[in-house]
C-alpha atoms as a PDB file:
ATOM      1  CA  MET A   1      40.803 -49.175  37.991  1.00  0.00           C
ATOM      2  CA  ASP A   2      37.158 -47.872  38.529  1.00  0.00           C
ATOM      3  CA  TYR A   3      35.124 -50.742  39.504  1.00  0.00           C
ATOM      4  CA  LEU A   4      31.940 -48.612  39.548  1.00  0.00           C
ATOM      5  CA  PHE A   5      29.772 -51.283  38.011  1.00  0.00           C
ATOM      6  CA  SER A   6      31.087 -54.136  40.550  1.00  0.00           C
ATOM      7  CA  ASN A   7      30.649 -51.828  43.388  1.00  0.00           C
ATOM      8  CA  ILE A   8      26.817 -51.134  42.282  1.00  0.00           C
ATOM      9  CA  LEU A   9      26.200 -54.710  41.895  1.00  0.00           C
ATOM     10  CA  ILE A  10      28.197 -55.490  45.207  1.00  0.00           C
ATOM     11  CA  ALA A  11      25.739 -53.051  46.794  1.00  0.00           C
ATOM     12  CA  LEU A  12      22.833 -54.564  45.433  1.00  0.00           C
ATOM     13  CA  ILE A  13      23.657 -57.924  46.578  1.00  0.00           C
ATOM     14  CA  ALA A  14      24.279 -56.770  50.093  1.00  0.00           C
ATOM     15  CA  LEU A  15      20.874 -55.297  50.077  1.00  0.00           C
ATOM     16  CA  LEU A  16      19.579 -58.147  48.819  1.00  0.00           C
ATOM     17  CA  HIS A  17      21.099 -60.058  51.734  1.00  0.00           C
ATOM     18  CA  VAL A  18      19.552 -57.267  54.317  1.00  0.00           C
ATOM     19  CA  TYR A  19      16.278 -57.952  53.092  1.00  0.00           C
ATOM     20  CA  ILE A  20      16.714 -61.759  53.232  1.00  0.00           C
ATOM     21  CA  LEU A  21      17.764 -61.082  56.848  1.00  0.00           C
ATOM     22  CA  VAL A  22      14.845 -59.068  57.731  1.00  0.00           C
ATOM     23  CA  LEU A  23      12.369 -61.409  55.985  1.00  0.00           C
ATOM     24  CA  GLU A  24      13.816 -64.357  58.013  1.00  0.00           C
ATOM     25  CA  MET A  25      14.464 -63.060  61.260  1.00  0.00           C
ATOM     26  CA  PHE A  26      11.348 -60.535  61.486  1.00  0.00           C
ATOM     27  CA  LEU A  27       9.065 -61.338  58.991  1.00  0.00           C
ATOM     28  CA  TRP A  28       9.173 -65.404  58.418  1.00  0.00           C
ATOM     29  CA  GLU A  29       5.619 -65.731  60.413  1.00  0.00           C
ATOM     30  CA  LYS A  30       4.114 -62.838  58.718  1.00  0.00           C
ATOM     31  CA  PRO A  31       2.248 -62.884  55.654  1.00  0.00           C
ATOM     32  CA  ALA A  32       5.605 -61.197  53.381  1.00  0.00           C
ATOM     33  CA  GLY A  33       7.595 -63.909  55.002  1.00  0.00           C
ATOM     34  CA  LEU A  34       5.080 -66.676  54.309  1.00  0.00           C
ATOM     35  CA  ARG A  35       4.336 -65.163  50.460  1.00  0.00           C
ATOM     36  CA  ALA A  36       8.216 -64.978  50.190  1.00  0.00           C
ATOM     37  CA  PHE A  37       9.071 -68.775  51.320  1.00  0.00           C
ATOM     38  CA  ARG A  38       5.726 -70.168  50.407  1.00  0.00           C
ATOM     39  CA  ASN A  39       5.300 -71.470  53.961  1.00  0.00           C
ATOM     40  CA  THR A  40       2.206 -71.969  56.042  1.00  0.00           C
ATOM     41  CA  PRO A  41       1.601 -70.535  59.381  1.00  0.00           C
ATOM     42  CA  GLU A  42       2.134 -73.852  61.012  1.00  0.00           C
ATOM     43  CA  LYS A  43       5.474 -74.401  59.352  1.00  0.00           C
ATOM     44  CA  ALA A  44       6.665 -70.928  59.684  1.00  0.00           C
ATOM     45  CA  ALA A  45       6.030 -71.341  63.659  1.00  0.00           C
ATOM     46  CA  MET A  46       7.810 -74.661  63.896  1.00  0.00           C
ATOM     47  CA  THR A  47      10.844 -73.254  62.098  1.00  0.00           C
ATOM     48  CA  ARG A  48      10.966 -69.417  63.199  1.00  0.00           C
ATOM     49  CA  VAL A  49      14.428 -70.165  65.231  1.00  0.00           C
ATOM     50  CA  LEU A  50      16.216 -71.927  62.301  1.00  0.00           C
ATOM     51  CA  ALA A  51      14.924 -69.096  59.867  1.00  0.00           C
ATOM     52  CA  ALA A  52      16.225 -66.370  62.323  1.00  0.00           C
ATOM     53  CA  ASN A  53      19.687 -68.209  62.166  1.00  0.00           C
ATOM     54  CA  GLN A  54      19.388 -68.395  58.608  1.00  0.00           C
ATOM     55  CA  GLY A  55      18.805 -64.634  58.564  1.00  0.00           C
ATOM     56  CA  LEU A  56      21.810 -63.981  60.943  1.00  0.00           C
ATOM     57  CA  TYR A  57      23.962 -65.713  58.309  1.00  0.00           C
ATOM     58  CA  ASN A  58      22.828 -63.503  55.384  1.00  0.00           C
ATOM     59  CA  GLY A  59      23.199 -60.542  57.609  1.00  0.00           C
ATOM     60  CA  PHE A  60      26.768 -61.256  58.105  1.00  0.00           C
ATOM     61  CA  LEU A  61      27.530 -62.144  54.471  1.00  0.00           C
ATOM     62  CA  ALA A  62      25.702 -58.323  53.627  1.00  0.00           C
ATOM     63  CA  ALA A  63      28.125 -57.208  56.376  1.00  0.00           C
ATOM     64  CA  GLY A  64      31.344 -58.730  54.569  1.00  0.00           C
ATOM     65  CA  LEU A  65      30.478 -57.263  51.306  1.00  0.00           C
ATOM     66  CA  LEU A  66      29.450 -53.773  52.856  1.00  0.00           C
ATOM     67  CA  TRP A  67      33.109 -53.916  54.551  1.00  0.00           C
ATOM     68  CA  GLY A  68      34.882 -54.765  51.318  1.00  0.00           C
ATOM     69  CA  LEU A  69      33.090 -51.472  50.077  1.00  0.00           C
ATOM     70  CA  TRP A  70      34.179 -49.542  52.919  1.00  0.00           C
ATOM     71  CA  LEU A  71      37.617 -50.399  52.292  1.00  0.00           C
ATOM     72  CA  GLY A  72      37.569 -49.397  48.782  1.00  0.00           C
ATOM     73  CA  GLU A  73      40.380 -50.892  46.559  1.00  0.00           C
ATOM     74  CA  ASP A  74      41.853 -52.804  49.393  1.00  0.00           C
ATOM     75  CA  GLY A  75      38.315 -54.684  50.264  1.00  0.00           C
ATOM     76  CA  LYS A  76      38.554 -56.241  46.702  1.00  0.00           C
ATOM     77  CA  PRO A  77      39.767 -59.539  48.351  1.00  0.00           C
ATOM     78  CA  ILE A  78      37.071 -59.375  51.111  1.00  0.00           C
ATOM     79  CA  GLU A  79      34.385 -58.625  48.475  1.00  0.00           C
ATOM     80  CA  LEU A  80      35.596 -61.752  46.681  1.00  0.00           C
ATOM     81  CA  PHE A  81      35.676 -63.921  49.597  1.00  0.00           C
ATOM     82  CA  PHE A  82      32.245 -62.841  50.606  1.00  0.00           C
ATOM     83  CA  LEU A  83      30.720 -63.346  46.837  1.00  0.00           C
ATOM     84  CA  ILE A  84      32.174 -66.688  46.633  1.00  0.00           C
ATOM     85  CA  CYS A  85      30.751 -67.635  49.825  1.00  0.00           C
ATOM     86  CA  ILE A  86      27.264 -66.406  48.430  1.00  0.00           C
ATOM     87  CA  ALA A  87      27.570 -68.476  45.380  1.00  0.00           C
ATOM     88  CA  ILE A  88      28.526 -71.590  46.949  1.00  0.00           C
ATOM     89  CA  ALA A  89      25.514 -70.883  49.356  1.00  0.00           C
ATOM     90  CA  GLY A  90      23.354 -70.617  46.536  1.00  0.00           C
ATOM     91  CA  VAL A  91      24.197 -73.493  44.915  1.00  0.00           C
ATOM     92  CA  PHE A  92      23.732 -75.539  48.173  1.00  0.00           C
ATOM     93  CA  GLY A  93      20.461 -73.786  48.727  1.00  0.00           C
ATOM     94  CA  ALA A  94      19.246 -74.604  45.140  1.00  0.00           C
ATOM     95  CA  ALA A  95      20.021 -78.140  45.421  1.00  0.00           C
ATOM     96  CA  THR A  96      18.465 -78.809  48.791  1.00  0.00           C
ATOM     97  CA  ALA A  97      15.654 -76.203  49.263  1.00  0.00           C
ATOM     98  CA  ALA A  98      14.239 -74.183  45.983  1.00  0.00           C
ATOM     99  CA  ARG A  99      15.730 -74.101  42.628  1.00  0.00           C
ATOM    100  CA  LYS A 100      15.100 -70.311  42.326  1.00  0.00           C
ATOM    101  CA  ILE A 101      18.184 -69.542  44.936  1.00  0.00           C
ATOM    102  CA  LEU A 102      20.416 -70.483  42.059  1.00  0.00           C
ATOM    103  CA  TYR A 103      18.945 -67.583  40.189  1.00  0.00           C
ATOM    104  CA  ILE A 104      18.467 -65.225  43.071  1.00  0.00           C
ATOM    105  CA  GLN A 105      21.593 -65.518  45.201  1.00  0.00           C
ATOM    106  CA  THR A 106      24.192 -67.488  42.982  1.00  0.00           C
ATOM    107  CA  LEU A 107      23.979 -65.986  39.533  1.00  0.00           C
ATOM    108  CA  PRO A 108      24.161 -62.246  40.842  1.00  0.00           C
ATOM    109  CA  ALA A 109      27.236 -63.299  42.807  1.00  0.00           C
ATOM    110  CA  LEU A 110      28.635 -64.921  39.877  1.00  0.00           C
ATOM    111  CA  ILE A 111      27.983 -61.983  37.618  1.00  0.00           C
ATOM    112  CA  ALA A 112      29.659 -59.563  40.326  1.00  0.00           C
ATOM    113  CA  ILE A 113      32.795 -62.003  40.637  1.00  0.00           C
ATOM    114  CA  SER A 114      33.326 -61.827  36.707  1.00  0.00           C
ATOM    115  CA  CYS A 115      33.101 -58.224  36.679  1.00  0.00           C
ATOM    116  CA  LEU A 116      35.393 -57.640  40.126  1.00  0.00           C
ATOM    117  CA  TRP A 117      38.120 -59.993  37.808  1.00  0.00           C
ATOM    118  CA  MET A 118      37.296 -57.418  34.683  1.00  0.00           C
ATOM    119  CA  GLY A 119      37.892 -54.318  36.794  1.00  0.00           C
ATOM    120  CA  VAL A 120      34.702 -52.961  35.909  1.00  0.00           C
END
């Protein structure tokens, strides 16, 4: 199967998670990070270590997706695993932190999972 559309979606999701890594690890206390997460400078200062830890996990999710893409056809089970992890993390994040995570993280992952299953 071709998987071109799936591969594009997975690459975009990986890039999104790299972007989240950068926001959480390096820009948490900067204007871009404060805006993205609607934080105050005081709250950001108190939570920066936790944010950096979250950023690292987002980097691992991106790395898993990129690994799957690099493996080609043999990487599809790896891509599926990491997309499921992202979807579950998004549901948890939406339930515990911000509802928008459902649309930013879970929905794209579910669409990519569907595309993988359909072979597009």
